[in-house]
Amino acid sequence: MESTVNIPPDLLRAFVAVVECGGFSQAAERLLRGQSAVSLQVKRLEDRLGVKLLDRNPRRVALTPEGELLLDRARRILRLNDELVAQFSEVELSGLVRLGAPEDFATSHLPAVLARFARAHPRVALEVTCELTLEVIERFRTGGLDIALVKREPLGGIGGIRVWREPLVWVAGDRHLAEPDGPLPLAVSPRPCVYRKRATDALDAAGRSWRIAYTCGSLAGTHAAVRAGLGVTVLPKAMVPHDLTMLDAVSFGLPDLADTEMALLSAPQLSPAAQRLRDVIVRELEHAGVAA
């Protein structure tokens, strides 16, 4: 009789976390374990399967062909595992979970995730607050949020778990506004705003003159200003409305922009419902975004 090799989900979870986070230290942060423990779990998984899954070097971690073959299957197994656990523990999840996020992200990428969570856990009340990133951070630090999604500079000092990465692009309603014959008019959010700072810093570094033509704390207001030809703005690529135009940076002499990152912050003591929402957000956003 052939022996059956059982693969504990924890080993698969460690492997997937290392791949999605881009390294062992980041995976350890997500899994709330020590880096050596995560490394040991991946080694145990490799031993059980009898293959090498990751090529490790001081600068990065890369998938081997065997690791690429396993990754999608591991994600499917973990998804089924989590759905099974959720189904039988659903009755225990209740209470209020307070989530904060920037308006643009909350209105584009979060609704589907939150809708699925609400259907799976109808006894959990979600309270979602949309504000500028620094306002979300301040509300989180003063105890007003359980979970916060915030924009940050790549490898920035805000901390948290990176759950999303996406290219930033220059966007206009009127291409002629971007012609290099005068200061570039910008339609942006008020200070402090990560995208505003990213745009002005990049323009300064490139020696391109600019001026603030329109300031609005509302995403809809900024879109309206760009449609009206009042200024050029910066948006994540997937959030560009269909009736606005992504500008080719080279053609208009505009600097390239670093990718935007979203990080998830969670309070030290989370309720079971908040823990579940945190895990769902991390899993679903990382699978959908460019973070892996």
Protein backbone atom coordinates (compact mmCIF):
# COMPACT_ATOMS: atom_id res chain seq x y z
CA MET A 1 0.00 0.00 0.00
CA GLU A 2 1.34 3.39 -0.95
CA SER A 3 1.82 5.85 1.89
CA THR A 4 -0.07 9.15 1.76
CA VAL A 5 1.84 12.38 2.20
CA ASN A 6 -0.26 14.98 4.01
CA ILE A 7 0.60 18.64 3.54
CA PRO A 8 -0.44 20.82 6.50
CA PRO A 9 -2.07 24.08 5.32
CA ASP A 10 0.33 26.06 7.51
CA LEU A 11 3.24 24.96 5.31
CA LEU A 12 1.41 26.02 2.16
CA ARG A 13 0.45 29.32 3.79
CA ALA A 14 4.07 30.06 4.63
CA PHE A 15 5.18 29.27 1.06
CA VAL A 16 2.46 31.47 -0.50
CA ALA A 17 3.22 34.32 1.91
CA VAL A 18 6.92 34.29 1.03
CA VAL A 19 6.11 34.44 -2.70
CA GLU A 20 3.48 37.17 -2.36
CA CYS A 21 5.50 39.29 0.07
CA GLY A 22 8.75 38.90 -1.86
CA GLY A 23 10.81 37.57 1.02
CA PHE A 24 10.92 35.76 4.34
CA SER A 25 11.03 38.80 6.63
CA GLN A 26 7.92 40.35 5.04
CA ALA A 27 6.13 36.99 5.15
CA ALA A 28 7.00 36.61 8.82
CA GLU A 29 5.45 40.03 9.47
CA ARG A 30 2.24 39.03 7.74
CA LEU A 31 2.03 35.65 9.48
CA LEU A 32 3.02 37.10 12.87
CA ARG A 33 5.81 34.55 13.20
CA GLY A 34 9.58 34.65 13.38
CA GLN A 35 11.54 34.66 10.13
CA SER A 36 13.34 31.46 11.09
CA ALA A 37 10.00 29.74 11.74
CA VAL A 38 8.70 30.70 8.29
CA SER A 39 11.95 29.52 6.68
CA LEU A 40 11.64 26.21 8.51
CA GLN A 41 8.06 25.74 7.33
CA VAL A 42 9.07 26.24 3.70
CA LYS A 43 11.95 23.79 4.17
CA ARG A 44 9.55 21.21 5.66
CA LEU A 45 7.24 21.68 2.67
CA GLU A 46 10.13 21.13 0.26
CA ASP A 47 11.17 18.01 2.18
CA ARG A 48 7.67 16.57 2.11
CA LEU A 49 7.30 17.15 -1.63
CA GLY A 50 10.88 16.18 -2.40
CA VAL A 51 11.50 19.23 -4.59
CA LYS A 52 13.09 22.67 -4.32
CA LEU A 53 10.42 25.37 -4.45
CA LEU A 54 12.42 28.59 -4.02
CA ASP A 55 15.79 29.88 -5.15
CA ARG A 56 17.13 32.02 -2.32
CA ASN A 57 19.83 34.67 -2.46
CA PRO A 58 20.56 37.75 -0.30
CA ARG A 59 18.69 40.08 -2.68
CA ARG A 60 15.52 38.22 -3.60
CA VAL A 61 13.53 35.00 -3.56
CA ALA A 62 12.50 33.42 -6.87
CA LEU A 63 10.23 30.52 -7.74
CA THR A 64 11.71 27.38 -9.23
CA PRO A 65 9.70 25.62 -11.98
CA GLU A 66 8.34 23.30 -9.28
CA GLY A 67 7.42 26.30 -7.14
CA GLU A 68 5.53 27.89 -10.04
CA LEU A 69 3.62 24.63 -10.50
CA LEU A 70 2.68 24.53 -6.82
CA LEU A 71 1.73 28.19 -6.30
CA ASP A 72 -1.69 28.23 -7.94
CA ARG A 73 -2.65 24.89 -6.42
CA ALA A 74 -1.52 26.05 -2.97
CA ARG A 75 -3.65 29.17 -3.26
CA ARG A 76 -6.69 27.10 -4.23
CA ILE A 77 -6.17 24.71 -1.31
CA LEU A 78 -5.84 27.60 1.13
CA ARG A 79 -8.94 29.30 -0.27
CA LEU A 80 -10.97 26.12 0.20
CA ASN A 81 -9.51 25.65 3.67
CA ASP A 82 -10.44 29.20 4.70
CA GLU A 83 -13.93 28.94 3.21
CA LEU A 84 -14.52 25.70 5.10
CA VAL A 85 -13.37 27.22 8.38
CA ALA A 86 -15.47 30.33 7.77
CA GLN A 87 -18.59 28.31 7.05
CA PHE A 88 -18.47 26.41 10.34
CA SER A 89 -17.31 29.31 12.50
CA GLU A 90 -19.62 31.89 10.93
CA VAL A 91 -22.03 31.82 13.87
CA GLU A 92 -19.22 32.93 16.20
CA LEU A 93 -18.33 36.02 14.16
CA SER A 94 -20.25 39.10 15.18
CA GLY A 95 -19.71 42.65 16.34
CA LEU A 96 -18.42 45.87 14.79
CA VAL A 97 -15.30 46.19 12.63
CA ARG A 98 -14.04 49.71 11.83
CA LEU A 99 -12.10 50.02 8.58
CA GLY A 100 -10.47 53.15 7.16
CA ALA A 101 -9.23 53.68 3.60
CA PRO A 102 -8.54 56.46 1.07
CA GLU A 103 -11.59 57.33 -1.02
CA ASP A 104 -10.15 56.28 -4.38
CA PHE A 105 -9.17 52.82 -3.15
CA ALA A 106 -12.32 52.35 -1.07
CA THR A 107 -14.56 53.05 -4.07
CA SER A 108 -12.65 50.96 -6.62
CA HIS A 109 -11.04 47.85 -5.17
CA LEU A 110 -12.74 47.36 -1.80
CA PRO A 111 -16.50 47.10 -2.54
CA ALA A 112 -16.39 43.59 -4.02
CA VAL A 113 -14.17 42.32 -1.19
CA LEU A 114 -16.39 43.85 1.50
CA ALA A 115 -19.56 42.59 -0.19
CA ARG A 116 -18.30 39.01 -0.17
CA PHE A 117 -17.26 39.34 3.47
CA ALA A 118 -20.66 40.76 4.45
CA ARG A 119 -22.49 37.91 2.73
CA ALA A 120 -20.32 35.33 4.47
CA HIS A 121 -20.61 37.00 7.88
CA PRO A 122 -24.00 38.72 8.14
CA ARG A 123 -23.69 39.26 11.90
CA VAL A 124 -20.61 41.46 11.49
CA ALA A 125 -21.30 45.18 11.15
CA LEU A 126 -18.80 47.03 8.95
CA GLU A 127 -18.09 50.72 9.52
CA VAL A 128 -15.99 52.10 6.64
CA THR A 129 -14.42 55.58 6.82
CA CYS A 130 -12.98 57.24 3.70
CA GLU A 131 -10.41 60.00 4.25
CA LEU A 132 -7.01 61.16 3.05
CA THR A 133 -4.23 58.74 3.95
CA LEU A 134 -2.69 60.83 6.73
CA GLU A 135 -6.14 61.36 8.25
CA VAL A 136 -6.74 57.60 8.14
CA ILE A 137 -3.38 57.04 9.85
CA GLU A 138 -4.19 59.59 12.55
CA ARG A 139 -7.61 58.05 13.19
CA PHE A 140 -5.97 54.61 13.41
CA ARG A 141 -3.27 55.80 15.82
CA THR A 142 -5.85 57.35 18.15
CA GLY A 143 -7.79 54.08 18.33
CA GLY A 144 -10.63 55.02 16.00
CA LEU A 145 -10.03 52.15 13.54
CA ASP A 146 -9.40 48.43 13.82
CA ILE A 147 -7.92 48.13 10.32
CA ALA A 148 -6.51 50.83 8.05
CA LEU A 149 -5.54 50.73 4.39
CA VAL A 150 -3.07 53.51 3.65
CA LYS A 151 -1.00 54.75 0.74
CA ARG A 152 2.73 54.68 1.33
CA GLU A 153 5.97 55.23 -0.51
CA PRO A 154 7.63 51.99 -1.69
CA LEU A 155 9.53 50.55 1.28
CA GLY A 156 8.32 53.53 3.28
CA GLY A 157 8.36 53.89 7.04
CA ILE A 158 4.63 53.62 7.68
CA GLY A 159 4.91 49.88 8.27
CA GLY A 160 2.08 47.41 7.87
CA ILE A 161 1.60 44.66 5.32
CA ARG A 162 1.84 45.58 1.65
CA VAL A 163 -1.37 44.41 -0.03
CA TRP A 164 -1.36 46.28 -3.33
CA ARG A 165 1.05 47.75 -5.84
CA GLU A 166 0.01 49.49 -9.04
CA PRO A 167 1.59 51.87 -11.57
CA LEU A 168 0.77 55.57 -11.27
CA VAL A 169 0.03 57.45 -14.49
CA TRP A 170 -0.51 61.03 -15.65
CA VAL A 171 -4.14 61.65 -16.61
CA ALA A 172 -5.80 64.48 -18.53
CA GLY A 173 -9.07 65.43 -20.18
CA ASP A 174 -7.28 67.81 -22.54
CA ARG A 175 -3.94 66.58 -23.89
CA HIS A 176 -2.85 70.11 -24.76
CA LEU A 177 -2.52 70.93 -21.05
CA ALA A 178 0.54 68.69 -20.91
CA GLU A 179 2.42 70.40 -23.74
CA PRO A 180 5.84 71.52 -22.43
CA ASP A 181 5.37 75.21 -23.23
CA GLY A 182 4.58 76.42 -19.72
CA PRO A 183 4.00 75.27 -16.14
CA LEU A 184 2.04 72.02 -15.96
CA PRO A 185 -1.37 72.73 -14.33
CA LEU A 186 -2.17 70.13 -11.69
CA ALA A 187 -5.54 69.05 -10.29
CA VAL A 188 -4.76 67.39 -6.98
CA SER A 189 -5.95 66.70 -3.45
CA PRO A 190 -5.00 69.07 -0.62
CA ARG A 191 -1.84 68.51 1.38
CA PRO A 192 -1.03 66.02 2.73
CA CYS A 193 -1.53 63.70 -0.26
CA VAL A 194 0.84 60.96 -1.38
CA TYR A 195 -0.06 61.34 -5.08
CA ARG A 196 0.30 65.12 -4.97
CA LYS A 197 3.74 64.85 -3.38
CA ARG A 198 4.74 62.09 -5.82
CA ALA A 199 3.77 64.29 -8.79
CA THR A 200 5.45 67.50 -7.61
CA ASP A 201 8.62 65.73 -6.44
CA ALA A 202 8.94 63.93 -9.80
CA LEU A 203 8.39 67.17 -11.74
CA ASP A 204 10.95 69.03 -9.60
CA ALA A 205 13.50 66.25 -10.09
CA ALA A 206 12.93 66.40 -13.87
CA GLY A 207 13.19 70.19 -13.95
CA ARG A 208 9.61 70.56 -15.27
CA SER A 209 7.74 73.63 -13.99
CA TRP A 210 4.25 73.19 -12.54
CA ARG A 211 1.45 75.01 -10.73
CA ILE A 212 -1.51 73.90 -8.64
CA ALA A 213 -4.55 74.78 -10.75
CA TYR A 214 -7.26 72.95 -8.81
CA THR A 215 -7.42 71.47 -5.30
CA CYS A 216 -10.24 69.24 -4.10
CA GLY A 217 -10.47 66.65 -1.33
CA SER A 218 -13.10 64.70 -3.27
CA LEU A 219 -12.08 62.17 -5.92
CA ALA A 220 -15.24 62.96 -7.91
CA GLY A 221 -14.35 66.65 -7.76
CA THR A 222 -10.84 66.01 -9.05
CA HIS A 223 -12.22 63.90 -11.91
CA ALA A 224 -14.65 66.67 -12.81
CA ALA A 225 -11.85 69.25 -12.86
CA VAL A 226 -9.73 67.06 -15.14
CA ARG A 227 -12.70 66.45 -17.46
CA ALA A 228 -13.24 70.21 -17.64
CA GLY A 229 -9.64 70.72 -18.73
CA LEU A 230 -8.57 72.56 -15.59
CA GLY A 231 -5.54 70.43 -14.91
CA VAL A 232 -3.62 67.17 -15.16
CA THR A 233 -3.74 64.68 -12.30
CA VAL A 234 -2.06 61.48 -11.14
CA LEU A 235 -4.05 58.26 -10.66
CA PRO A 236 -3.39 54.54 -10.29
CA LYS A 237 -3.60 52.97 -13.73
CA ALA A 238 -6.61 50.77 -12.94
CA MET A 239 -8.56 53.73 -11.52
CA VAL A 240 -8.48 55.93 -14.65
CA PRO A 241 -12.07 56.66 -15.79
CA HIS A 242 -12.82 55.56 -19.35
CA ASP A 243 -13.48 59.12 -20.50
CA LEU A 244 -10.08 60.44 -19.37
CA THR A 245 -6.75 59.89 -21.11
CA MET A 246 -3.57 58.34 -19.77
CA LEU A 247 -0.70 60.46 -21.06
CA ASP A 248 2.41 58.89 -22.50
CA ALA A 249 5.15 60.34 -20.28
CA VAL A 250 7.83 60.32 -22.98
CA SER A 251 5.66 62.10 -25.58
CA PHE A 252 4.85 64.96 -23.22
CA GLY A 253 8.17 65.20 -21.42
CA LEU A 254 6.69 64.06 -18.14
CA PRO A 255 8.69 62.08 -15.57
CA ASP A 256 7.91 58.46 -14.80
CA LEU A 257 6.16 57.87 -11.49
CA ALA A 258 6.99 55.17 -8.97
CA ASP A 259 4.29 52.56 -8.33
CA THR A 260 1.73 53.27 -5.67
CA GLU A 261 1.60 50.95 -2.68
CA MET A 262 -1.18 50.21 -0.25
CA ALA A 263 -0.34 48.86 3.19
CA LEU A 264 -2.67 47.33 5.76
CA LEU A 265 -2.33 48.38 9.40
CA SER A 266 -4.12 46.44 12.13
CA ALA A 267 -4.62 47.23 15.80
CA PRO A 268 -2.67 45.10 18.32
CA GLN A 269 -5.81 43.54 19.77
CA LEU A 270 -8.32 42.55 17.09
CA SER A 271 -11.65 40.84 17.58
CA PRO A 272 -12.14 37.53 15.75
CA ALA A 273 -14.32 39.36 13.20
CA ALA A 274 -11.64 41.99 12.59
CA GLN A 275 -8.98 39.29 12.27
CA ARG A 276 -11.06 37.52 9.65
CA LEU A 277 -11.63 40.72 7.66
CA ARG A 278 -7.91 41.53 7.81
CA ASP A 279 -7.02 38.08 6.48
CA VAL A 280 -9.61 38.30 3.70
CA ILE A 281 -8.38 41.73 2.58
CA VAL A 282 -4.74 40.64 2.55
CA ARG A 283 -5.49 37.48 0.59
CA GLU A 284 -7.87 38.93 -1.98
CA LEU A 285 -6.04 42.20 -2.66
CA GLU A 286 -2.65 40.58 -3.00
CA HIS A 287 -4.07 38.08 -5.48
CA ALA A 288 -5.71 40.86 -7.50
CA GLY A 289 -2.94 43.47 -7.42
CA VAL A 290 0.67 43.59 -8.57
CA ALA A 291 2.03 43.03 -5.09
CA ALA A 292 3.27 39.54 -5.83
